[in-house]
């Protein structure tokens, strides 16, 4: 999946995940709404530009055991 966070015209962060935690990436930098919209349209259309037009960095997400969440 692909997701973005931000408001109005931006800045936005842009992420995608391809399966498990080992394949979760964030685009380097911050983006304006039109850039994020373009990335989503490419992604939905199967256009590979969403992978090449952004510099993706792997996210290292620390997962807590379920008993430490409560």
Protein backbone atom coordinates (compact mmCIF):
# COMPACT_ATOMS: atom_id res chain seq x y z
CA UNK A 1 0.00 0.00 0.00
CA UNK A 2 0.91 3.64 -0.29
CA UNK A 3 0.08 6.32 2.26
CA UNK A 4 0.76 10.00 2.86
CA UNK A 5 0.46 12.35 5.80
CA UNK A 6 0.05 16.11 5.73
CA UNK A 7 -2.51 18.88 5.32
CA UNK A 8 -3.61 21.36 2.69
CA UNK A 9 -0.80 21.97 0.17
CA UNK A 10 1.80 20.33 2.39
CA UNK A 11 4.33 19.46 3.34
CA UNK A 12 3.50 15.76 3.10
CA UNK A 13 5.45 12.63 3.87
CA UNK A 14 5.00 9.70 1.51
CA UNK A 15 5.38 6.01 2.34
CA UNK A 16 4.74 2.62 0.81
CA UNK A 17 4.77 -0.88 2.19
CA UNK A 18 5.22 -4.00 0.12
CA UNK A 19 4.19 -6.82 2.45
CA UNK A 20 5.81 -7.05 5.87
CA UNK A 21 7.75 -4.64 8.12
CA UNK A 22 10.96 -5.42 6.25
CA UNK A 23 9.50 -3.77 3.14
CA UNK A 24 8.25 -0.43 4.48
CA UNK A 25 9.77 2.68 2.87
CA UNK A 26 9.52 6.48 3.11
CA UNK A 27 10.33 8.95 0.37
CA UNK A 28 13.22 11.21 1.36
CA UNK A 29 12.15 14.82 1.85
CA UNK A 30 8.80 16.56 2.04
CA UNK A 31 6.37 17.04 -0.81
CA UNK A 32 3.53 19.28 -1.94
CA UNK A 33 0.05 17.94 -2.51
CA UNK A 34 0.39 17.85 -6.29
CA UNK A 35 3.53 15.68 -6.06
CA UNK A 36 1.80 13.24 -3.70
CA UNK A 37 -1.28 13.08 -5.92
CA UNK A 38 0.95 12.28 -8.90
CA UNK A 39 2.63 9.47 -6.93
CA UNK A 40 -0.76 7.96 -6.02
CA UNK A 41 -2.01 8.15 -9.60
CA UNK A 42 1.13 6.44 -10.89
CA UNK A 43 0.84 3.78 -8.18
CA UNK A 44 -2.82 3.06 -8.96
CA UNK A 45 -2.19 2.95 -12.71
CA UNK A 46 0.73 0.53 -12.34
CA UNK A 47 3.13 3.14 -13.73
CA UNK A 48 6.67 2.45 -12.40
CA UNK A 49 7.51 6.16 -12.13
CA UNK A 50 6.26 6.22 -8.51
CA UNK A 51 9.33 4.08 -7.66
CA UNK A 52 11.86 6.05 -9.72
CA UNK A 53 10.75 9.66 -9.25
CA UNK A 54 11.26 9.51 -5.47
CA UNK A 55 14.23 8.45 -3.38
CA UNK A 56 12.95 5.70 -1.07
CA UNK A 57 14.54 4.88 2.27
CA UNK A 58 13.79 1.77 4.30
CA UNK A 59 11.99 2.41 7.58
CA UNK A 60 13.12 0.53 10.66
CA UNK A 61 10.02 0.27 12.78
CA UNK A 62 10.54 -1.01 16.28
CA UNK A 63 7.74 -3.38 17.21
CA UNK A 64 6.86 -3.81 20.87
CA UNK A 65 5.50 -7.11 22.15
CA UNK A 66 1.72 -6.97 22.49
CA UNK A 67 1.92 -7.04 26.30
CA UNK A 68 3.96 -3.80 26.34
CA UNK A 69 1.39 -1.87 24.29
CA UNK A 70 -1.19 -1.79 27.10
